[in-house]
PDB file of N, CA and C in Angstrom:
ATOM      1  N   MET A   1      22.618   4.468   1.276  1.00  0.00           N
ATOM      2  CA  MET A   1      22.675   3.030   1.113  1.00  0.00           C
ATOM      3  C   MET A   1      22.873   2.713  -0.369  1.00  0.00           C
ATOM      4  N   SER A   2      23.816   1.849  -0.659  1.00  0.00           N
ATOM      5  CA  SER A   2      24.077   1.441  -2.033  1.00  0.00           C
ATOM      6  C   SER A   2      23.282   0.178  -2.338  1.00  0.00           C
ATOM      7  N   PHE A   3      22.415   0.254  -3.338  1.00  0.00           N
ATOM      8  CA  PHE A   3      21.525  -0.862  -3.622  1.00  0.00           C
ATOM      9  C   PHE A   3      22.091  -1.815  -4.671  1.00  0.00           C
ATOM     10  N   LEU A   4      22.876  -1.315  -5.614  1.00  0.00           N
ATOM     11  CA  LEU A   4      23.406  -2.183  -6.651  1.00  0.00           C
ATOM     12  C   LEU A   4      24.814  -2.681  -6.340  1.00  0.00           C
ATOM     13  N   LYS A   5      25.613  -1.857  -5.711  1.00  0.00           N
ATOM     14  CA  LYS A   5      26.987  -2.238  -5.399  1.00  0.00           C
ATOM     15  C   LYS A   5      27.089  -2.549  -3.904  1.00  0.00           C
ATOM     16  N   PRO A   6      27.166  -3.835  -3.564  1.00  0.00           N
ATOM     17  CA  PRO A   6      27.185  -4.192  -2.141  1.00  0.00           C
ATOM     18  C   PRO A   6      28.532  -3.893  -1.473  1.00  0.00           C
ATOM     19  N   SER A   7      28.478  -3.675  -0.199  1.00  0.00           N
ATOM     20  CA  SER A   7      29.682  -3.555   0.622  1.00  0.00           C
ATOM     21  C   SER A   7      29.609  -4.651   1.678  1.00  0.00           C
ATOM     22  N   LYS A   8      30.568  -4.692   2.574  1.00  0.00           N
ATOM     23  CA  LYS A   8      30.547  -5.741   3.593  1.00  0.00           C
ATOM     24  C   LYS A   8      29.394  -5.555   4.589  1.00  0.00           C
ATOM     25  N   HIS A   9      28.784  -4.372   4.607  1.00  0.00           N
ATOM     26  CA  HIS A   9      27.684  -4.102   5.523  1.00  0.00           C
ATOM     27  C   HIS A   9      26.308  -4.258   4.866  1.00  0.00           C
ATOM     28  N   THR A  10      26.296  -4.533   3.578  1.00  0.00           N
ATOM     29  CA  THR A  10      25.039  -4.638   2.832  1.00  0.00           C
ATOM     30  C   THR A  10      24.343  -5.955   3.141  1.00  0.00           C
ATOM     31  N   ASN A  11      23.056  -5.862   3.412  1.00  0.00           N
ATOM     32  CA  ASN A  11      22.237  -7.055   3.573  1.00  0.00           C
ATOM     33  C   ASN A  11      21.750  -7.441   2.180  1.00  0.00           C
ATOM     34  N   LEU A  12      22.327  -8.491   1.612  1.00  0.00           N
ATOM     35  CA  LEU A  12      22.014  -8.881   0.243  1.00  0.00           C
ATOM     36  C   LEU A  12      20.555  -9.285   0.067  1.00  0.00           C
ATOM     37  N   ARG A  13      19.895  -9.606   1.136  1.00  0.00           N
ATOM     38  CA  ARG A  13      18.474  -9.957   1.079  1.00  0.00           C
ATOM     39  C   ARG A  13      17.655  -8.792   0.516  1.00  0.00           C
ATOM     40  N   TYR A  14      18.085  -7.568   0.813  1.00  0.00           N
ATOM     41  CA  TYR A  14      17.360  -6.370   0.384  1.00  0.00           C
ATOM     42  C   TYR A  14      18.025  -5.670  -0.800  1.00  0.00           C
ATOM     43  N   SER A  15      18.849  -6.380  -1.560  1.00  0.00           N
ATOM     44  CA  SER A  15      19.479  -5.777  -2.737  1.00  0.00           C
ATOM     45  C   SER A  15      18.467  -5.740  -3.882  1.00  0.00           C
ATOM     46  N   ILE A  16      18.682  -4.837  -4.808  1.00  0.00           N
ATOM     47  CA  ILE A  16      17.786  -4.711  -5.963  1.00  0.00           C
ATOM     48  C   ILE A  16      17.767  -5.998  -6.779  1.00  0.00           C
ATOM     49  N   ILE A  17      18.902  -6.638  -6.912  1.00  0.00           N
ATOM     50  CA  ILE A  17      18.978  -7.866  -7.699  1.00  0.00           C
ATOM     51  C   ILE A  17      18.131  -8.966  -7.063  1.00  0.00           C
ATOM     52  N   ASN A  18      18.241  -9.147  -5.762  1.00  0.00           N
ATOM     53  CA  ASN A  18      17.461 -10.175  -5.076  1.00  0.00           C
ATOM     54  C   ASN A  18      15.971  -9.871  -5.113  1.00  0.00           C
ATOM     55  N   VAL A  19      15.602  -8.637  -4.840  1.00  0.00           N
ATOM     56  CA  VAL A  19      14.183  -8.254  -4.849  1.00  0.00           C
ATOM     57  C   VAL A  19      13.616  -8.380  -6.260  1.00  0.00           C
ATOM     58  N   SER A  20      14.388  -7.976  -7.262  1.00  0.00           N
ATOM     59  CA  SER A  20      13.936  -8.098  -8.653  1.00  0.00           C
ATOM     60  C   SER A  20      13.733  -9.562  -9.035  1.00  0.00           C
ATOM     61  N   ALA A  21      14.650 -10.424  -8.630  1.00  0.00           N
ATOM     62  CA  ALA A  21      14.520 -11.856  -8.925  1.00  0.00           C
ATOM     63  C   ALA A  21      13.279 -12.437  -8.256  1.00  0.00           C
ATOM     64  N   THR A  22      12.999 -12.008  -7.048  1.00  0.00           N
ATOM     65  CA  THR A  22      11.806 -12.480  -6.341  1.00  0.00           C
ATOM     66  C   THR A  22      10.541 -11.977  -7.021  1.00  0.00           C
ATOM     67  N   ILE A  23      10.554 -10.741  -7.504  1.00  0.00           N
ATOM     68  CA  ILE A  23       9.405 -10.199  -8.242  1.00  0.00           C
ATOM     69  C   ILE A  23       9.157 -11.039  -9.492  1.00  0.00           C
ATOM     70  N   ILE A  24      10.205 -11.382 -10.209  1.00  0.00           N
ATOM     71  CA  ILE A  24      10.054 -12.191 -11.418  1.00  0.00           C
ATOM     72  C   ILE A  24       9.467 -13.556 -11.084  1.00  0.00           C
ATOM     73  N   LYS A  25       9.939 -14.176 -10.004  1.00  0.00           N
ATOM     74  CA  LYS A  25       9.396 -15.473  -9.588  1.00  0.00           C
ATOM     75  C   LYS A  25       7.914 -15.370  -9.276  1.00  0.00           C
ATOM     76  N   ILE A  26       7.523 -14.325  -8.558  1.00  0.00           N
ATOM     77  CA  ILE A  26       6.110 -14.126  -8.208  1.00  0.00           C
ATOM     78  C   ILE A  26       5.277 -13.912  -9.466  1.00  0.00           C
ATOM     79  N   LEU A  27       5.781 -13.116 -10.386  1.00  0.00           N
ATOM     80  CA  LEU A  27       5.037 -12.851 -11.617  1.00  0.00           C
ATOM     81  C   LEU A  27       4.937 -14.094 -12.510  1.00  0.00           C
ATOM     82  N   LYS A  28       5.950 -14.940 -12.507  1.00  0.00           N
ATOM     83  CA  LYS A  28       5.867 -16.189 -13.266  1.00  0.00           C
ATOM     84  C   LYS A  28       4.780 -17.096 -12.702  1.00  0.00           C
ATOM     85  N   ASP A  29       4.634 -17.089 -11.382  1.00  0.00           N
ATOM     86  CA  ASP A  29       3.619 -17.927 -10.731  1.00  0.00           C
ATOM     87  C   ASP A  29       2.213 -17.362 -10.888  1.00  0.00           C
ATOM     88  N   ASN A  30       2.085 -16.033 -10.858  1.00  0.00           N
ATOM     89  CA  ASN A  30       0.765 -15.400 -10.813  1.00  0.00           C
ATOM     90  C   ASN A  30       0.336 -14.709 -12.103  1.00  0.00           C
ATOM     91  N   GLY A  31       1.244 -14.479 -13.019  1.00  0.00           N
ATOM     92  CA  GLY A  31       0.899 -13.743 -14.234  1.00  0.00           C
ATOM     93  C   GLY A  31       0.799 -12.260 -13.946  1.00  0.00           C
ATOM     94  N   ILE A  32      -0.409 -11.773 -13.791  1.00  0.00           N
ATOM     95  CA  ILE A  32      -0.652 -10.363 -13.473  1.00  0.00           C
ATOM     96  C   ILE A  32      -0.999 -10.261 -11.992  1.00  0.00           C
ATOM     97  N   ILE A  33      -0.427  -9.266 -11.327  1.00  0.00           N
ATOM     98  CA  ILE A  33      -0.678  -9.092  -9.898  1.00  0.00           C
ATOM     99  C   ILE A  33      -0.802  -7.603  -9.588  1.00  0.00           C
ATOM    100  N   GLU A  34      -1.694  -7.263  -8.683  1.00  0.00           N
ATOM    101  CA  GLU A  34      -1.861  -5.864  -8.288  1.00  0.00           C
ATOM    102  C   GLU A  34      -0.631  -5.375  -7.528  1.00  0.00           C
ATOM    103  N   TYR A  35      -0.375  -4.098  -7.671  1.00  0.00           N
ATOM    104  CA  TYR A  35       0.792  -3.445  -7.068  1.00  0.00           C
ATOM    105  C   TYR A  35       0.878  -3.716  -5.567  1.00  0.00           C
ATOM    106  N   ASN A  36      -0.212  -3.455  -4.839  1.00  0.00           N
ATOM    107  CA  ASN A  36      -0.208  -3.622  -3.380  1.00  0.00           C
ATOM    108  C   ASN A  36      -0.064  -5.086  -2.978  1.00  0.00           C
ATOM    109  N   GLU A  37      -0.675  -5.976  -3.754  1.00  0.00           N
ATOM    110  CA  GLU A  37      -0.565  -7.403  -3.463  1.00  0.00           C
ATOM    111  C   GLU A  37       0.877  -7.881  -3.651  1.00  0.00           C
ATOM    112  N   LEU A  38       1.534  -7.380  -4.683  1.00  0.00           N
ATOM    113  CA  LEU A  38       2.939  -7.722  -4.925  1.00  0.00           C
ATOM    114  C   LEU A  38       3.815  -7.251  -3.771  1.00  0.00           C
ATOM    115  N   LEU A  39       3.588  -6.049  -3.313  1.00  0.00           N
ATOM    116  CA  LEU A  39       4.359  -5.524  -2.185  1.00  0.00           C
ATOM    117  C   LEU A  39       4.142  -6.368  -0.930  1.00  0.00           C
ATOM    118  N   GLU A  40       2.904  -6.760  -0.668  1.00  0.00           N
ATOM    119  CA  GLU A  40       2.612  -7.588   0.507  1.00  0.00           C
ATOM    120  C   GLU A  40       3.273  -8.959   0.408  1.00  0.00           C
ATOM    121  N   LEU A  41       3.268  -9.563  -0.778  1.00  0.00           N
ATOM    122  CA  LEU A  41       3.943 -10.851  -0.966  1.00  0.00           C
ATOM    123  C   LEU A  41       5.448 -10.727  -0.739  1.00  0.00           C
ATOM    124  N   LEU A  42       6.021  -9.638  -1.205  1.00  0.00           N
ATOM    125  CA  LEU A  42       7.450  -9.414  -0.991  1.00  0.00           C
ATOM    126  C   LEU A  42       7.773  -9.229   0.483  1.00  0.00           C
ATOM    127  N   LYS A  43       6.899  -8.546   1.202  1.00  0.00           N
ATOM    128  CA  LYS A  43       7.111  -8.370   2.644  1.00  0.00           C
ATOM    129  C   LYS A  43       7.084  -9.710   3.366  1.00  0.00           C
ATOM    130  N   ILE A  44       6.240 -10.616   2.908  1.00  0.00           N
ATOM    131  CA  ILE A  44       6.173 -11.952   3.511  1.00  0.00           C
ATOM    132  C   ILE A  44       7.414 -12.767   3.157  1.00  0.00           C
ATOM    133  N   LYS A  45       7.813 -12.744   1.887  1.00  0.00           N
ATOM    134  CA  LYS A  45       8.929 -13.572   1.426  1.00  0.00           C
ATOM    135  C   LYS A  45      10.297 -13.036   1.834  1.00  0.00           C
ATOM    136  N   ILE A  46      10.469 -11.715   1.804  1.00  0.00           N
ATOM    137  CA  ILE A  46      11.798 -11.138   2.047  1.00  0.00           C
ATOM    138  C   ILE A  46      11.887 -10.473   3.416  1.00  0.00           C
ATOM    139  N   GLY A  47      10.901  -9.657   3.753  1.00  0.00           N
ATOM    140  CA  GLY A  47      10.917  -8.955   5.034  1.00  0.00           C
ATOM    141  C   GLY A  47      10.238  -7.601   4.922  1.00  0.00           C
ATOM    142  N   GLU A  48       9.902  -7.050   6.053  1.00  0.00           N
ATOM    143  CA  GLU A  48       9.157  -5.788   6.108  1.00  0.00           C
ATOM    144  C   GLU A  48       9.927  -4.611   5.508  1.00  0.00           C
ATOM    145  N   ASP A  49      11.247  -4.654   5.543  1.00  0.00           N
ATOM    146  CA  ASP A  49      12.050  -3.536   5.043  1.00  0.00           C
ATOM    147  C   ASP A  49      12.186  -3.521   3.530  1.00  0.00           C
ATOM    148  N   VAL A  50      11.528  -4.425   2.838  1.00  0.00           N
ATOM    149  CA  VAL A  50      11.626  -4.494   1.383  1.00  0.00           C
ATOM    150  C   VAL A  50      11.011  -3.265   0.714  1.00  0.00           C
ATOM    151  N   GLY A  51      10.169  -2.557   1.422  1.00  0.00           N
ATOM    152  CA  GLY A  51       9.536  -1.357   0.873  1.00  0.00           C
ATOM    153  C   GLY A  51      10.531  -0.311   0.417  1.00  0.00           C
ATOM    154  N   GLU A  52      11.711  -0.290   1.040  1.00  0.00           N
ATOM    155  CA  GLU A  52      12.744   0.690   0.672  1.00  0.00           C
ATOM    156  C   GLU A  52      13.253   0.483  -0.747  1.00  0.00           C
ATOM    157  N   VAL A  53      13.323  -0.755  -1.198  1.00  0.00           N
ATOM    158  CA  VAL A  53      13.885  -1.049  -2.516  1.00  0.00           C
ATOM    159  C   VAL A  53      12.843  -1.550  -3.510  1.00  0.00           C
ATOM    160  N   PHE A  54      11.599  -1.604  -3.113  1.00  0.00           N
ATOM    161  CA  PHE A  54      10.536  -2.118  -3.972  1.00  0.00           C
ATOM    162  C   PHE A  54      10.412  -1.296  -5.260  1.00  0.00           C
ATOM    163  N   LEU A  55      10.282  -0.001  -5.136  1.00  0.00           N
ATOM    164  CA  LEU A  55      10.154   0.861  -6.314  1.00  0.00           C
ATOM    165  C   LEU A  55      11.415   0.860  -7.168  1.00  0.00           C
ATOM    166  N   LEU A  56      12.573   0.822  -6.528  1.00  0.00           N
ATOM    167  CA  LEU A  56      13.826   0.767  -7.276  1.00  0.00           C
ATOM    168  C   LEU A  56      13.915  -0.531  -8.075  1.00  0.00           C
ATOM    169  N   SER A  57      13.463  -1.621  -7.491  1.00  0.00           N
ATOM    170  CA  SER A  57      13.487  -2.914  -8.180  1.00  0.00           C
ATOM    171  C   SER A  57      12.505  -2.942  -9.341  1.00  0.00           C
ATOM    172  N   LEU A  58      11.319  -2.392  -9.135  1.00  0.00           N
ATOM    173  CA  LEU A  58      10.347  -2.313 -10.230  1.00  0.00           C
ATOM    174  C   LEU A  58      10.877  -1.430 -11.358  1.00  0.00           C
ATOM    175  N   SER A  59      11.510  -0.339 -11.014  1.00  0.00           N
ATOM    176  CA  SER A  59      12.101   0.549 -12.022  1.00  0.00           C
ATOM    177  C   SER A  59      13.210  -0.173 -12.786  1.00  0.00           C
ATOM    178  N   PHE A  60      14.025  -0.916 -12.066  1.00  0.00           N
ATOM    179  CA  PHE A  60      15.095  -1.687 -12.680  1.00  0.00           C
ATOM    180  C   PHE A  60      14.529  -2.677 -13.703  1.00  0.00           C
ATOM    181  N   LEU A  61      13.469  -3.390 -13.331  1.00  0.00           N
ATOM    182  CA  LEU A  61      12.844  -4.354 -14.238  1.00  0.00           C
ATOM    183  C   LEU A  61      12.147  -3.651 -15.401  1.00  0.00           C
ATOM    184  N   TYR A  62      11.541  -2.502 -15.135  1.00  0.00           N
ATOM    185  CA  TYR A  62      10.846  -1.749 -16.184  1.00  0.00           C
ATOM    186  C   TYR A  62      11.836  -1.213 -17.217  1.00  0.00           C
ATOM    187  N   ILE A  63      12.951  -0.701 -16.753  1.00  0.00           N
ATOM    188  CA  ILE A  63      13.981  -0.174 -17.649  1.00  0.00           C
ATOM    189  C   ILE A  63      14.526  -1.279 -18.557  1.00  0.00           C
ATOM    190  N   HIS A  64      14.611  -2.482 -18.021  1.00  0.00           N
ATOM    191  CA  HIS A  64      15.108  -3.621 -18.796  1.00  0.00           C
ATOM    192  C   HIS A  64      13.991  -4.338 -19.554  1.00  0.00           C
ATOM    193  N   LYS A  65      12.807  -3.715 -19.593  1.00  0.00           N
ATOM    194  CA  LYS A  65      11.645  -4.209 -20.339  1.00  0.00           C
ATOM    195  C   LYS A  65      11.239  -5.623 -19.948  1.00  0.00           C
ATOM    196  N   LYS A  66      11.248  -5.889 -18.638  1.00  0.00           N
ATOM    197  CA  LYS A  66      10.836  -7.193 -18.124  1.00  0.00           C
ATOM    198  C   LYS A  66       9.437  -7.154 -17.530  1.00  0.00           C
ATOM    199  N   VAL A  67       8.990  -5.984 -17.098  1.00  0.00           N
ATOM    200  CA  VAL A  67       7.645  -5.842 -16.536  1.00  0.00           C
ATOM    201  C   VAL A  67       6.922  -4.686 -17.213  1.00  0.00           C
ATOM    202  N   GLN A  68       5.617  -4.737 -17.092  1.00  0.00           N
ATOM    203  CA  GLN A  68       4.770  -3.673 -17.635  1.00  0.00           C
ATOM    204  C   GLN A  68       3.742  -3.313 -16.573  1.00  0.00           C
ATOM    205  N   TYR A  69       3.472  -2.023 -16.464  1.00  0.00           N
ATOM    206  CA  TYR A  69       2.507  -1.527 -15.485  1.00  0.00           C
ATOM    207  C   TYR A  69       1.184  -1.235 -16.175  1.00  0.00           C
ATOM    208  N   GLY A  70       0.096  -1.775 -15.624  1.00  0.00           N
ATOM    209  CA  GLY A  70      -1.243  -1.494 -16.132  1.00  0.00           C
ATOM    210  C   GLY A  70      -1.884  -0.404 -15.297  1.00  0.00           C
ATOM    211  N   LYS A  71      -1.994   0.782 -15.854  1.00  0.00           N
ATOM    212  CA  LYS A  71      -2.492   1.939 -15.113  1.00  0.00           C
ATOM    213  C   LYS A  71      -3.944   1.761 -14.672  1.00  0.00           C
ATOM    214  N   GLU A  72      -4.790   1.222 -15.553  1.00  0.00           N
ATOM    215  CA  GLU A  72      -6.217   1.081 -15.234  1.00  0.00           C
ATOM    216  C   GLU A  72      -6.447   0.108 -14.079  1.00  0.00           C
ATOM    217  N   SER A  73      -5.694  -0.988 -14.080  1.00  0.00           N
ATOM    218  CA  SER A  73      -5.897  -2.013 -13.050  1.00  0.00           C
ATOM    219  C   SER A  73      -4.877  -1.915 -11.914  1.00  0.00           C
ATOM    220  N   ASP A  74      -3.936  -0.964 -11.992  1.00  0.00           N
ATOM    221  CA  ASP A  74      -2.883  -0.798 -11.000  1.00  0.00           C
ATOM    222  C   ASP A  74      -2.176  -2.135 -10.750  1.00  0.00           C
ATOM    223  N   SER A  75      -1.747  -2.760 -11.856  1.00  0.00           N
ATOM    224  CA  SER A  75      -1.151  -4.086 -11.746  1.00  0.00           C
ATOM    225  C   SER A  75       0.156  -4.157 -12.533  1.00  0.00           C
ATOM    226  N   ILE A  76       0.924  -5.170 -12.189  1.00  0.00           N
ATOM    227  CA  ILE A  76       2.220  -5.420 -12.813  1.00  0.00           C
ATOM    228  C   ILE A  76       2.132  -6.774 -13.502  1.00  0.00           C
ATOM    229  N   ARG A  77       2.708  -6.866 -14.702  1.00  0.00           N
ATOM    230  CA  ARG A  77       2.760  -8.161 -15.378  1.00  0.00           C
ATOM    231  C   ARG A  77       4.134  -8.357 -16.000  1.00  0.00           C
ATOM    232  N   LEU A  78       4.504  -9.609 -16.155  1.00  0.00           N
ATOM    233  CA  LEU A  78       5.766  -9.977 -16.760  1.00  0.00           C
ATOM    234  C   LEU A  78       5.638  -9.843 -18.267  1.00  0.00           C
ATOM    235  N   VAL A  79       6.558  -9.132 -18.902  1.00  0.00           N
ATOM    236  CA  VAL A  79       6.509  -8.913 -20.340  1.00  0.00           C
ATOM    237  C   VAL A  79       7.203 -10.035 -21.085  1.00  0.00           C
ATOM    238  N   ASN A  80       8.390 -10.366 -20.656  1.00  0.00           N
ATOM    239  CA  ASN A  80       9.196 -11.352 -21.360  1.00  0.00           C
ATOM    240  C   ASN A  80       9.664 -12.391 -20.356  1.00  0.00           C
ATOM    241  N   GLU A  81       9.194 -13.629 -20.492  1.00  0.00           N
ATOM    242  CA  GLU A  81       9.543 -14.661 -19.525  1.00  0.00           C
ATOM    243  C   GLU A  81      10.965 -15.166 -19.676  1.00  0.00           C
ATOM    244  N   VAL A  82      11.606 -14.889 -20.810  1.00  0.00           N
ATOM    245  CA  VAL A  82      12.986 -15.299 -21.005  1.00  0.00           C
ATOM    246  C   VAL A  82      13.875 -14.273 -20.302  1.00  0.00           C
ATOM    247  N   ILE A  83      14.569 -14.711 -19.293  1.00  0.00           N
ATOM    248  CA  ILE A  83      15.400 -13.803 -18.507  1.00  0.00           C
ATOM    249  C   ILE A  83      16.858 -14.019 -18.848  1.00  0.00           C
TER     250      ILE A  83
END
């Protein structure tokens, strides 16, 4: 499955770009959120199959220095609100 380059069969709802944008929206509303809580919110907002691209989306945001992972609290926070 191609996550960044869509084809005519790709469900854009589960693309890395869409999931990443939804993660940013959630983090803007909540500030810091636990890893499992973020995944559950995404499942509610996008769908149960979001688990397939959840880690890829977090990695995408981390590589672009938009999120930071707190190891002690197992939480994700938005680093730079300017997107």
